[in-house]
Amino acid sequence: MIRCRDLTVSFGDRTVLDRFSFDVPAAGVTALSGPSGCGKTTLLRVLAGLEKPRSGAVEGIVPRQTALLFQDDRLLPWRTVEQHLTDVLPKSRWGEVPARLALAELEGEEHTFPAALSGGMGRRLALARCLALEAGLYLLDEPFAGVDLPRALRILERLKALPVPVLLVSHEPAVLSAADTVIELDGPPLRTC
């Protein structure tokens, strides 16, 4: 289990997390829901080690074994769909590319460049690349933005089968109801409803 205790993060005079505490189950998909700007992304950045809290502690995360899917896709326009995955997989695991593409429902797009993908396809590629990192914790910031709901729910079921915890941010009611656990948040500063 991952435990966050009394996390405080401020940006100038604006406090985004104020002694915020919560637990992430050891497996399954936990969804964070709350209004825009309440601190969900900041919390993910703290868990990923990209933002240092002013005070508080995070327990149960192994450094360098956390993968973060940012809100923007960060795709390289000169790399194909397949190359986005082989760029993060060791060569000995390149045989996994078809399964990673199937997880994100991108079969047949191996040689496509990002400019030829729809917004939802680009998002699914970014998700597949993140999941190829084989982390001990996945932090997914709006993983289904631009993805049609039936497809998002199918992919969510695959995420629920992963042997490690997944913490995702979503505003989509159907995604939230399909998650294993939902934490309703408000803020700033971030707080549990």
N, C-alpha and C. Protein backbone atom coordinates (compact mmCIF):
# COMPACT_ATOMS: atom_id res chain seq x y z
N MET A 1 0.84 -1.19 0.00
CA MET A 1 0.00 0.00 0.00
C MET A 1 0.88 1.25 0.00
N ILE A 2 0.42 2.24 -0.73
CA ILE A 2 1.12 3.53 -0.77
C ILE A 2 0.39 4.48 0.16
N ARG A 3 1.15 5.12 1.02
CA ARG A 3 0.55 6.03 2.00
C ARG A 3 1.13 7.43 1.84
N CYS A 4 0.24 8.40 1.76
CA CYS A 4 0.62 9.81 1.74
C CYS A 4 0.16 10.41 3.06
N ARG A 5 1.10 11.02 3.76
CA ARG A 5 0.78 11.57 5.07
C ARG A 5 1.14 13.05 5.15
N ASP A 6 0.13 13.85 5.41
CA ASP A 6 0.30 15.29 5.72
C ASP A 6 1.12 16.03 4.66
N LEU A 7 0.81 15.79 3.38
CA LEU A 7 1.54 16.45 2.29
C LEU A 7 1.12 17.91 2.17
N THR A 8 2.09 18.78 2.11
CA THR A 8 1.84 20.20 1.90
C THR A 8 2.69 20.67 0.73
N VAL A 9 2.03 21.29 -0.26
CA VAL A 9 2.70 21.86 -1.43
C VAL A 9 2.11 23.24 -1.67
N SER A 10 2.99 24.21 -1.84
CA SER A 10 2.56 25.58 -2.13
C SER A 10 3.32 26.10 -3.33
N PHE A 11 2.68 26.98 -4.09
CA PHE A 11 3.31 27.71 -5.17
C PHE A 11 3.12 29.18 -4.86
N GLY A 12 4.16 29.80 -4.35
CA GLY A 12 4.04 31.18 -3.88
C GLY A 12 3.07 31.24 -2.72
N ASP A 13 2.05 32.10 -2.82
CA ASP A 13 1.06 32.24 -1.75
C ASP A 13 -0.07 31.22 -1.86
N ARG A 14 -0.08 30.42 -2.93
CA ARG A 14 -1.19 29.49 -3.18
C ARG A 14 -0.84 28.10 -2.65
N THR A 15 -1.56 27.64 -1.66
CA THR A 15 -1.38 26.30 -1.11
C THR A 15 -2.28 25.34 -1.86
N VAL A 16 -1.69 24.31 -2.48
CA VAL A 16 -2.46 23.35 -3.27
C VAL A 16 -2.74 22.09 -2.47
N LEU A 17 -1.76 21.62 -1.71
CA LEU A 17 -1.96 20.51 -0.77
C LEU A 17 -1.66 21.04 0.62
N ASP A 18 -2.55 20.84 1.55
CA ASP A 18 -2.37 21.33 2.90
C ASP A 18 -2.59 20.19 3.89
N ARG A 19 -1.48 19.54 4.27
CA ARG A 19 -1.51 18.39 5.19
C ARG A 19 -2.46 17.30 4.67
N PHE A 20 -2.37 17.04 3.36
CA PHE A 20 -3.26 16.08 2.70
C PHE A 20 -2.75 14.66 2.93
N SER A 21 -3.66 13.76 3.31
CA SER A 21 -3.31 12.35 3.55
C SER A 21 -4.30 11.45 2.83
N PHE A 22 -3.78 10.36 2.26
CA PHE A 22 -4.64 9.33 1.69
C PHE A 22 -3.81 8.09 1.39
N ASP A 23 -4.48 6.96 1.15
CA ASP A 23 -3.82 5.70 0.85
C ASP A 23 -4.24 5.22 -0.54
N VAL A 24 -3.29 4.59 -1.25
CA VAL A 24 -3.56 3.96 -2.53
C VAL A 24 -3.49 2.46 -2.32
N PRO A 25 -4.55 1.70 -2.65
CA PRO A 25 -4.51 0.25 -2.49
C PRO A 25 -3.34 -0.37 -3.27
N ALA A 26 -2.92 -1.55 -2.85
CA ALA A 26 -1.75 -2.22 -3.44
C ALA A 26 -1.99 -2.74 -4.85
N ALA A 27 -3.23 -2.81 -5.29
CA ALA A 27 -3.55 -3.26 -6.64
C ALA A 27 -4.88 -2.65 -7.06
N GLY A 28 -5.19 -2.79 -8.34
CA GLY A 28 -6.46 -2.26 -8.85
C GLY A 28 -6.33 -0.83 -9.31
N VAL A 29 -7.44 -0.30 -9.82
CA VAL A 29 -7.49 1.07 -10.33
C VAL A 29 -8.20 1.96 -9.32
N THR A 30 -7.49 2.98 -8.87
CA THR A 30 -8.05 4.00 -7.99
C THR A 30 -8.20 5.27 -8.81
N ALA A 31 -9.40 5.82 -8.85
CA ALA A 31 -9.67 7.02 -9.62
C ALA A 31 -9.81 8.22 -8.70
N LEU A 32 -9.16 9.30 -9.08
CA LEU A 32 -9.30 10.58 -8.39
C LEU A 32 -10.25 11.44 -9.19
N SER A 33 -11.24 11.98 -8.51
CA SER A 33 -12.22 12.83 -9.17
C SER A 33 -12.34 14.13 -8.40
N GLY A 34 -12.50 15.22 -9.12
CA GLY A 34 -12.67 16.50 -8.46
C GLY A 34 -12.61 17.61 -9.49
N PRO A 35 -12.99 18.82 -9.10
CA PRO A 35 -13.02 19.93 -10.04
C PRO A 35 -11.63 20.28 -10.55
N SER A 36 -11.58 20.86 -11.74
CA SER A 36 -10.31 21.31 -12.31
C SER A 36 -9.65 22.30 -11.36
N GLY A 37 -8.35 22.15 -11.22
CA GLY A 37 -7.58 23.07 -10.38
C GLY A 37 -7.57 22.74 -8.91
N CYS A 38 -8.13 21.59 -8.52
CA CYS A 38 -8.19 21.29 -7.08
C CYS A 38 -6.89 20.68 -6.55
N GLY A 39 -5.97 20.25 -7.42
CA GLY A 39 -4.69 19.73 -6.95
C GLY A 39 -4.40 18.30 -7.34
N LYS A 40 -5.23 17.69 -8.18
CA LYS A 40 -5.03 16.28 -8.56
C LYS A 40 -3.71 16.07 -9.30
N THR A 41 -3.42 16.93 -10.27
CA THR A 41 -2.17 16.79 -11.02
C THR A 41 -0.97 17.04 -10.13
N THR A 42 -1.06 18.00 -9.24
CA THR A 42 0.04 18.26 -8.31
C THR A 42 0.29 17.02 -7.45
N LEU A 43 -0.77 16.38 -7.00
CA LEU A 43 -0.62 15.16 -6.20
C LEU A 43 0.11 14.08 -7.01
N LEU A 44 -0.28 13.88 -8.28
CA LEU A 44 0.41 12.89 -9.11
C LEU A 44 1.88 13.25 -9.27
N ARG A 45 2.18 14.51 -9.44
CA ARG A 45 3.58 14.94 -9.60
C ARG A 45 4.38 14.68 -8.32
N VAL A 46 3.76 14.85 -7.16
CA VAL A 46 4.44 14.52 -5.90
C VAL A 46 4.72 13.02 -5.84
N LEU A 47 3.73 12.20 -6.18
CA LEU A 47 3.91 10.76 -6.14
C LEU A 47 4.97 10.29 -7.14
N ALA A 48 5.09 10.98 -8.27
CA ALA A 48 6.08 10.63 -9.29
C ALA A 48 7.48 11.14 -8.94
N GLY A 49 7.57 11.96 -7.90
CA GLY A 49 8.87 12.51 -7.51
C GLY A 49 9.26 13.75 -8.30
N LEU A 50 8.32 14.33 -9.05
CA LEU A 50 8.61 15.53 -9.84
C LEU A 50 8.37 16.82 -9.07
N GLU A 51 7.63 16.71 -7.99
CA GLU A 51 7.32 17.87 -7.14
C GLU A 51 7.64 17.47 -5.71
N LYS A 52 8.43 18.28 -5.04
CA LYS A 52 8.81 17.97 -3.67
C LYS A 52 7.87 18.70 -2.71
N PRO A 53 7.22 17.95 -1.80
CA PRO A 53 6.34 18.64 -0.85
C PRO A 53 7.15 19.44 0.17
N ARG A 54 6.55 20.51 0.64
CA ARG A 54 7.20 21.32 1.68
C ARG A 54 7.28 20.54 2.97
N SER A 55 6.26 19.70 3.20
CA SER A 55 6.28 18.83 4.38
C SER A 55 5.43 17.60 4.08
N GLY A 56 5.54 16.61 4.93
CA GLY A 56 4.81 15.37 4.76
C GLY A 56 5.68 14.29 4.14
N ALA A 57 5.10 13.11 3.98
CA ALA A 57 5.88 11.97 3.49
C ALA A 57 5.01 11.06 2.64
N VAL A 58 5.68 10.37 1.71
CA VAL A 58 5.05 9.34 0.90
C VAL A 58 5.78 8.04 1.19
N GLU A 59 5.03 7.00 1.54
CA GLU A 59 5.62 5.69 1.86
C GLU A 59 5.09 4.65 0.89
N GLY A 60 5.94 3.67 0.57
CA GLY A 60 5.51 2.55 -0.25
C GLY A 60 5.79 2.69 -1.73
N ILE A 61 6.47 3.76 -2.14
CA ILE A 61 6.85 3.94 -3.53
C ILE A 61 8.34 3.70 -3.66
N VAL A 62 8.70 2.85 -4.61
CA VAL A 62 10.11 2.59 -4.88
C VAL A 62 10.58 3.62 -5.90
N PRO A 63 11.61 4.40 -5.57
CA PRO A 63 12.10 5.39 -6.54
C PRO A 63 12.42 4.74 -7.88
N ARG A 64 12.13 5.46 -8.94
CA ARG A 64 12.38 5.04 -10.33
C ARG A 64 11.53 3.85 -10.77
N GLN A 65 10.51 3.50 -10.00
CA GLN A 65 9.60 2.45 -10.43
C GLN A 65 8.18 2.98 -10.56
N THR A 66 8.07 4.25 -10.85
CA THR A 66 6.79 4.91 -11.04
C THR A 66 6.74 5.49 -12.45
N ALA A 67 5.63 5.27 -13.15
CA ALA A 67 5.46 5.82 -14.50
C ALA A 67 4.31 6.81 -14.48
N LEU A 68 4.53 7.97 -15.06
CA LEU A 68 3.54 9.04 -15.09
C LEU A 68 3.11 9.32 -16.52
N LEU A 69 1.81 9.27 -16.77
CA LEU A 69 1.24 9.71 -18.03
C LEU A 69 0.79 11.15 -17.83
N PHE A 70 1.46 12.08 -18.53
CA PHE A 70 1.13 13.50 -18.41
C PHE A 70 -0.19 13.80 -19.10
N GLN A 71 -0.74 14.98 -18.83
CA GLN A 71 -1.99 15.38 -19.49
C GLN A 71 -1.80 15.57 -20.99
N ASP A 72 -0.62 16.02 -21.40
CA ASP A 72 -0.36 16.14 -22.83
C ASP A 72 0.41 14.89 -23.28
N ASP A 73 0.21 14.51 -24.53
CA ASP A 73 0.71 13.22 -25.00
C ASP A 73 2.22 13.15 -25.13
N ARG A 74 2.88 14.24 -25.43
CA ARG A 74 4.33 14.29 -25.56
C ARG A 74 4.86 13.28 -26.57
N LEU A 75 4.19 13.18 -27.70
CA LEU A 75 4.61 12.26 -28.76
C LEU A 75 5.67 12.93 -29.64
N LEU A 76 6.59 12.14 -30.14
CA LEU A 76 7.65 12.64 -31.00
C LEU A 76 7.18 12.53 -32.45
N PRO A 77 7.04 13.65 -33.17
CA PRO A 77 6.45 13.61 -34.50
C PRO A 77 7.25 12.81 -35.52
N TRP A 78 8.53 12.59 -35.29
CA TRP A 78 9.39 11.87 -36.24
C TRP A 78 9.48 10.37 -35.92
N ARG A 79 8.75 9.89 -34.91
CA ARG A 79 8.78 8.47 -34.52
C ARG A 79 7.42 7.85 -34.81
N THR A 80 7.42 6.63 -35.33
CA THR A 80 6.17 5.92 -35.61
C THR A 80 5.56 5.42 -34.32
N VAL A 81 4.34 4.91 -34.42
CA VAL A 81 3.66 4.31 -33.26
C VAL A 81 4.55 3.22 -32.66
N GLU A 82 5.03 2.32 -33.50
CA GLU A 82 5.88 1.22 -33.02
C GLU A 82 7.16 1.74 -32.37
N GLN A 83 7.78 2.74 -32.97
CA GLN A 83 9.02 3.29 -32.42
C GLN A 83 8.81 3.96 -31.07
N HIS A 84 7.63 4.52 -30.84
CA HIS A 84 7.36 5.10 -29.52
C HIS A 84 7.46 4.03 -28.44
N LEU A 85 7.10 2.79 -28.78
CA LEU A 85 7.18 1.70 -27.81
C LEU A 85 8.59 1.12 -27.74
N THR A 86 9.22 0.90 -28.89
CA THR A 86 10.58 0.34 -28.86
C THR A 86 11.57 1.33 -28.24
N ASP A 87 11.24 2.61 -28.23
CA ASP A 87 12.11 3.60 -27.59
C ASP A 87 12.17 3.40 -26.07
N VAL A 88 11.12 2.85 -25.47
CA VAL A 88 11.10 2.68 -24.01
C VAL A 88 11.28 1.22 -23.57
N LEU A 89 11.09 0.28 -24.50
CA LEU A 89 11.28 -1.13 -24.17
C LEU A 89 12.72 -1.54 -24.44
N PRO A 90 13.33 -2.37 -23.57
CA PRO A 90 14.63 -2.92 -23.92
C PRO A 90 14.49 -3.79 -25.18
N LYS A 91 15.55 -3.89 -25.95
CA LYS A 91 15.49 -4.64 -27.22
C LYS A 91 15.01 -6.08 -27.00
N SER A 92 15.38 -6.68 -25.87
CA SER A 92 14.97 -8.06 -25.58
C SER A 92 13.46 -8.20 -25.42
N ARG A 93 12.73 -7.06 -25.28
CA ARG A 93 11.29 -7.11 -25.09
C ARG A 93 10.51 -6.49 -26.25
N TRP A 94 11.16 -6.25 -27.37
CA TRP A 94 10.47 -5.67 -28.52
C TRP A 94 9.36 -6.57 -29.03
N GLY A 95 9.44 -7.84 -28.73
CA GLY A 95 8.37 -8.77 -29.12
C GLY A 95 7.05 -8.48 -28.43
N GLU A 96 7.06 -7.65 -27.38
CA GLU A 96 5.84 -7.29 -26.65
C GLU A 96 5.04 -6.18 -27.34
N VAL A 97 5.63 -5.56 -28.36
CA VAL A 97 4.97 -4.42 -29.00
C VAL A 97 3.56 -4.75 -29.46
N PRO A 98 3.32 -5.89 -30.14
CA PRO A 98 1.95 -6.18 -30.57
C PRO A 98 0.95 -6.24 -29.40
N ALA A 99 1.35 -6.82 -28.28
CA ALA A 99 0.46 -6.90 -27.12
C ALA A 99 0.19 -5.52 -26.53
N ARG A 100 1.21 -4.66 -26.53
CA ARG A 100 1.04 -3.29 -26.01
C ARG A 100 0.09 -2.51 -26.93
N LEU A 101 0.22 -2.71 -28.22
CA LEU A 101 -0.68 -2.03 -29.16
C LEU A 101 -2.10 -2.56 -29.01
N ALA A 102 -2.23 -3.86 -28.78
CA ALA A 102 -3.56 -4.44 -28.60
C ALA A 102 -4.21 -3.90 -27.33
N LEU A 103 -3.44 -3.74 -26.27
CA LEU A 103 -3.99 -3.20 -25.02
C LEU A 103 -4.63 -1.85 -25.27
N ALA A 104 -3.98 -1.02 -26.10
CA ALA A 104 -4.49 0.33 -26.39
C ALA A 104 -5.35 0.38 -27.65
N GLU A 105 -5.63 -0.79 -28.22
CA GLU A 105 -6.45 -0.90 -29.43
C GLU A 105 -5.87 -0.07 -30.58
N LEU A 106 -4.57 -0.27 -30.83
CA LEU A 106 -3.88 0.42 -31.91
C LEU A 106 -3.28 -0.55 -32.93
N GLU A 107 -3.82 -1.76 -32.99
CA GLU A 107 -3.32 -2.74 -33.95
C GLU A 107 -3.43 -2.17 -35.37
N GLY A 108 -2.41 -2.44 -36.19
CA GLY A 108 -2.42 -1.98 -37.57
C GLY A 108 -1.86 -0.58 -37.75
N GLU A 109 -1.51 0.10 -36.67
CA GLU A 109 -1.00 1.48 -36.74
C GLU A 109 0.50 1.55 -36.51
N GLU A 110 1.19 0.43 -36.52
CA GLU A 110 2.61 0.36 -36.17
C GLU A 110 3.47 1.38 -36.90
N HIS A 111 3.20 1.60 -38.19
CA HIS A 111 4.06 2.45 -39.02
C HIS A 111 3.49 3.86 -39.22
N THR A 112 2.47 4.20 -38.44
CA THR A 112 1.83 5.51 -38.54
C THR A 112 2.60 6.52 -37.69
N PHE A 113 2.73 7.74 -38.21
CA PHE A 113 3.34 8.83 -37.45
C PHE A 113 2.25 9.59 -36.69
N PRO A 114 2.59 10.24 -35.57
CA PRO A 114 1.60 10.92 -34.74
C PRO A 114 0.70 11.91 -35.50
N ALA A 115 1.21 12.60 -36.50
CA ALA A 115 0.40 13.58 -37.23
C ALA A 115 -0.79 12.94 -37.93
N ALA A 116 -0.70 11.63 -38.22
CA ALA A 116 -1.78 10.94 -38.90
C ALA A 116 -2.76 10.27 -37.93
N LEU A 117 -2.52 10.42 -36.63
CA LEU A 117 -3.40 9.82 -35.63
C LEU A 117 -4.46 10.84 -35.19
N SER A 118 -5.64 10.34 -34.85
CA SER A 118 -6.64 11.21 -34.23
C SER A 118 -6.18 11.56 -32.82
N GLY A 119 -6.86 12.52 -32.21
CA GLY A 119 -6.51 12.88 -30.83
C GLY A 119 -6.62 11.72 -29.87
N GLY A 120 -7.70 10.93 -30.00
CA GLY A 120 -7.89 9.78 -29.13
C GLY A 120 -6.85 8.70 -29.37
N MET A 121 -6.44 8.52 -30.62
CA MET A 121 -5.40 7.53 -30.94
C MET A 121 -4.06 7.97 -30.35
N GLY A 122 -3.76 9.26 -30.44
CA GLY A 122 -2.54 9.77 -29.85
C GLY A 122 -2.52 9.56 -28.35
N ARG A 123 -3.69 9.76 -27.73
CA ARG A 123 -3.77 9.57 -26.28
C ARG A 123 -3.53 8.10 -25.93
N ARG A 124 -4.10 7.21 -26.73
CA ARG A 124 -3.92 5.78 -26.47
C ARG A 124 -2.47 5.36 -26.69
N LEU A 125 -1.80 5.97 -27.66
CA LEU A 125 -0.38 5.69 -27.87
C LEU A 125 0.43 6.15 -26.66
N ALA A 126 0.15 7.34 -26.16
CA ALA A 126 0.86 7.84 -24.98
C ALA A 126 0.64 6.89 -23.80
N LEU A 127 -0.58 6.38 -23.65
CA LEU A 127 -0.88 5.44 -22.58
C LEU A 127 -0.11 4.13 -22.77
N ALA A 128 -0.10 3.59 -23.99
CA ALA A 128 0.63 2.35 -24.27
C ALA A 128 2.11 2.52 -23.97
N ARG A 129 2.67 3.67 -24.35
CA ARG A 129 4.10 3.93 -24.08
C ARG A 129 4.35 3.99 -22.57
N CYS A 130 3.48 4.63 -21.83
CA CYS A 130 3.62 4.70 -20.38
C CYS A 130 3.57 3.30 -19.76
N LEU A 131 2.61 2.49 -20.20
CA LEU A 131 2.46 1.14 -19.64
C LEU A 131 3.62 0.23 -20.03
N ALA A 132 4.31 0.53 -21.12
CA ALA A 132 5.46 -0.28 -21.53
C ALA A 132 6.63 -0.12 -20.57
N LEU A 133 6.58 0.88 -19.71
CA LEU A 133 7.68 1.12 -18.77
C LEU A 133 7.74 0.08 -17.65
N GLU A 134 6.71 -0.76 -17.52
CA GLU A 134 6.72 -1.83 -16.51
C GLU A 134 7.05 -1.30 -15.12
N ALA A 135 6.26 -0.37 -14.66
CA ALA A 135 6.48 0.26 -13.36
C ALA A 135 5.79 -0.51 -12.24
N GLY A 136 6.09 -0.12 -11.02
CA GLY A 136 5.42 -0.68 -9.85
C GLY A 136 4.20 0.15 -9.47
N LEU A 137 4.03 1.30 -10.11
CA LEU A 137 2.88 2.18 -9.89
C LEU A 137 2.71 3.02 -11.15
N TYR A 138 1.47 3.06 -11.66
CA TYR A 138 1.16 3.90 -12.81
C TYR A 138 0.30 5.07 -12.35
N LEU A 139 0.73 6.27 -12.72
CA LEU A 139 0.01 7.50 -12.42
C LEU A 139 -0.47 8.07 -13.75
N LEU A 140 -1.78 8.07 -13.96
CA LEU A 140 -2.34 8.42 -15.27
C LEU A 140 -3.22 9.66 -15.16
N ASP A 141 -2.76 10.76 -15.74
CA ASP A 141 -3.49 12.02 -15.67
C ASP A 141 -4.39 12.13 -16.90
N GLU A 142 -5.67 11.94 -16.71
CA GLU A 142 -6.68 11.99 -17.78
C GLU A 142 -6.31 11.04 -18.93
N PRO A 143 -6.16 9.75 -18.65
CA PRO A 143 -5.71 8.81 -19.69
C PRO A 143 -6.69 8.62 -20.83
N PHE A 144 -7.96 8.98 -20.64
CA PHE A 144 -8.96 8.73 -21.67
C PHE A 144 -9.49 10.01 -22.32
N ALA A 145 -8.76 11.11 -22.18
CA ALA A 145 -9.18 12.36 -22.82
C ALA A 145 -9.20 12.15 -24.33
N GLY A 146 -10.34 12.41 -24.96
CA GLY A 146 -10.47 12.25 -26.40
C GLY A 146 -10.72 10.83 -26.87
N VAL A 147 -10.81 9.89 -25.93
CA VAL A 147 -11.04 8.48 -26.29
C VAL A 147 -12.53 8.20 -26.13
N ASP A 148 -13.13 7.54 -27.14
CA ASP A 148 -14.55 7.24 -27.05
C ASP A 148 -14.82 6.34 -25.84
N LEU A 149 -15.96 6.53 -25.21
CA LEU A 149 -16.26 5.88 -23.95
C LEU A 149 -16.23 4.35 -24.01
N PRO A 150 -16.86 3.69 -25.00
CA PRO A 150 -16.79 2.22 -25.00
C PRO A 150 -15.34 1.71 -25.04
N ARG A 151 -14.49 2.35 -25.82
CA ARG A 151 -13.08 1.95 -25.91
C ARG A 151 -12.38 2.23 -24.58
N ALA A 152 -12.64 3.39 -23.99
CA ALA A 152 -12.03 3.73 -22.71
C ALA A 152 -12.37 2.69 -21.65
N LEU A 153 -13.61 2.25 -21.62
CA LEU A 153 -14.03 1.26 -20.62
C LEU A 153 -13.38 -0.10 -20.87
N ARG A 154 -13.19 -0.47 -22.14
CA ARG A 154 -12.49 -1.73 -22.44
C ARG A 154 -11.03 -1.66 -21.98
N ILE A 155 -10.39 -0.53 -22.25
CA ILE A 155 -8.99 -0.37 -21.83
C ILE A 155 -8.90 -0.34 -20.31
N LEU A 156 -9.86 0.32 -19.67
CA LEU A 156 -9.88 0.36 -18.21
C LEU A 156 -9.95 -1.04 -17.62
N GLU A 157 -10.73 -1.93 -18.21
CA GLU A 157 -10.79 -3.31 -17.73
C GLU A 157 -9.42 -3.98 -17.80
N ARG A 158 -8.66 -3.68 -18.85
CA ARG A 158 -7.31 -4.24 -18.98
C ARG A 158 -6.39 -3.65 -17.91
N LEU A 159 -6.56 -2.38 -17.60
CA LEU A 159 -5.76 -1.76 -16.53
C LEU A 159 -6.06 -2.39 -15.19
N LYS A 160 -7.31 -2.75 -14.96
CA LYS A 160 -7.69 -3.36 -13.69
C LYS A 160 -7.03 -4.73 -13.50
N ALA A 161 -6.64 -5.37 -14.58
CA ALA A 161 -6.00 -6.69 -14.51
C ALA A 161 -4.49 -6.60 -14.25
N LEU A 162 -3.93 -5.39 -14.29
CA LEU A 162 -2.49 -5.26 -14.04
C LEU A 162 -2.18 -5.65 -12.59
N PRO A 163 -1.01 -6.24 -12.35
CA PRO A 163 -0.67 -6.69 -11.00
C PRO A 163 -0.14 -5.59 -10.08
N VAL A 164 -0.18 -4.34 -10.54
CA VAL A 164 0.32 -3.22 -9.75
C VAL A 164 -0.76 -2.15 -9.66
N PRO A 165 -0.64 -1.25 -8.69
CA PRO A 165 -1.66 -0.21 -8.56
C PRO A 165 -1.62 0.81 -9.70
N VAL A 166 -2.81 1.28 -10.05
CA VAL A 166 -2.99 2.33 -11.06
C VAL A 166 -3.79 3.44 -10.38
N LEU A 167 -3.26 4.64 -10.43
CA LEU A 167 -3.95 5.81 -9.89
C LEU A 167 -4.21 6.73 -11.07
N LEU A 168 -5.49 6.98 -11.36
CA LEU A 168 -5.81 7.81 -12.52
C LEU A 168 -6.74 8.95 -12.14
N VAL A 169 -6.66 10.00 -12.93
CA VAL A 169 -7.52 11.16 -12.79
C VAL A 169 -8.55 11.11 -13.91
N SER A 170 -9.82 11.31 -13.57
CA SER A 170 -10.86 11.35 -14.60
C SER A 170 -12.02 12.20 -14.12
N HIS A 171 -12.72 12.80 -15.11
CA HIS A 171 -13.96 13.52 -14.84
C HIS A 171 -15.15 12.77 -15.42
N GLU A 172 -14.90 11.66 -16.10
CA GLU A 172 -15.93 10.90 -16.80
C GLU A 172 -16.67 9.98 -15.83
N PRO A 173 -17.97 10.21 -15.58
CA PRO A 173 -18.72 9.40 -14.61
C PRO A 173 -18.64 7.89 -14.88
N ALA A 174 -18.72 7.47 -16.14
CA ALA A 174 -18.69 6.03 -16.44
C ALA A 174 -17.33 5.43 -16.11
N VAL A 175 -16.26 6.17 -16.34
CA VAL A 175 -14.92 5.69 -15.98
C VAL A 175 -14.81 5.59 -14.47
N LEU A 176 -15.30 6.59 -13.77
CA LEU A 176 -15.25 6.58 -12.31
C LEU A 176 -16.02 5.39 -11.74
N SER A 177 -17.21 5.12 -12.28
CA SER A 177 -17.99 4.00 -11.73
C SER A 177 -17.39 2.65 -12.06
N ALA A 178 -16.54 2.58 -13.09
CA ALA A 178 -15.91 1.30 -13.45
C ALA A 178 -14.59 1.08 -12.70
N ALA A 179 -14.06 2.10 -12.04
CA ALA A 179 -12.81 1.95 -11.27
C ALA A 179 -13.07 1.10 -10.03
N ASP A 180 -12.01 0.52 -9.49
CA ASP A 180 -12.14 -0.29 -8.27
C ASP A 180 -12.43 0.59 -7.06
N THR A 181 -11.80 1.75 -7.00
CA THR A 181 -11.96 2.69 -5.89
C THR A 181 -12.03 4.10 -6.46
N VAL A 182 -12.89 4.92 -5.90
CA VAL A 182 -12.98 6.33 -6.31
C VAL A 182 -12.75 7.20 -5.09
N ILE A 183 -11.87 8.18 -5.24
CA ILE A 183 -11.63 9.16 -4.18
C ILE A 183 -12.11 10.51 -4.70
N GLU A 184 -13.14 11.03 -4.08
CA GLU A 184 -13.70 12.34 -4.46
C GLU A 184 -12.91 13.42 -3.74
N LEU A 185 -12.44 14.41 -4.51
CA LEU A 185 -11.59 15.45 -3.96
C LEU A 185 -12.20 16.82 -4.21
N ASP A 186 -11.75 17.79 -3.43
CA ASP A 186 -12.14 19.17 -3.61
C ASP A 186 -10.94 20.03 -3.25
N GLY A 187 -10.99 21.30 -3.57
CA GLY A 187 -9.90 22.19 -3.22
C GLY A 187 -9.77 23.28 -4.27
N PRO A 188 -8.70 24.03 -4.30
CA PRO A 188 -7.55 23.93 -3.41
C PRO A 188 -7.79 24.62 -2.07
N PRO A 189 -7.09 24.24 -1.05
CA PRO A 189 -6.15 23.13 -1.03
C PRO A 189 -6.90 21.79 -1.14
N LEU A 190 -6.19 20.80 -1.68
CA LEU A 190 -6.76 19.49 -1.93
C LEU A 190 -7.27 18.86 -0.63
N ARG A 191 -8.48 18.33 -0.71
CA ARG A 191 -9.04 17.64 0.46
C ARG A 191 -10.01 16.58 -0.02
N THR A 192 -10.19 15.56 0.80
CA THR A 192 -11.13 14.49 0.49
C THR A 192 -12.53 14.95 0.86
N CYS A 193 -13.49 14.73 -0.05
CA CYS A 193 -14.88 15.12 0.21
C CYS A 193 -15.52 14.20 1.24
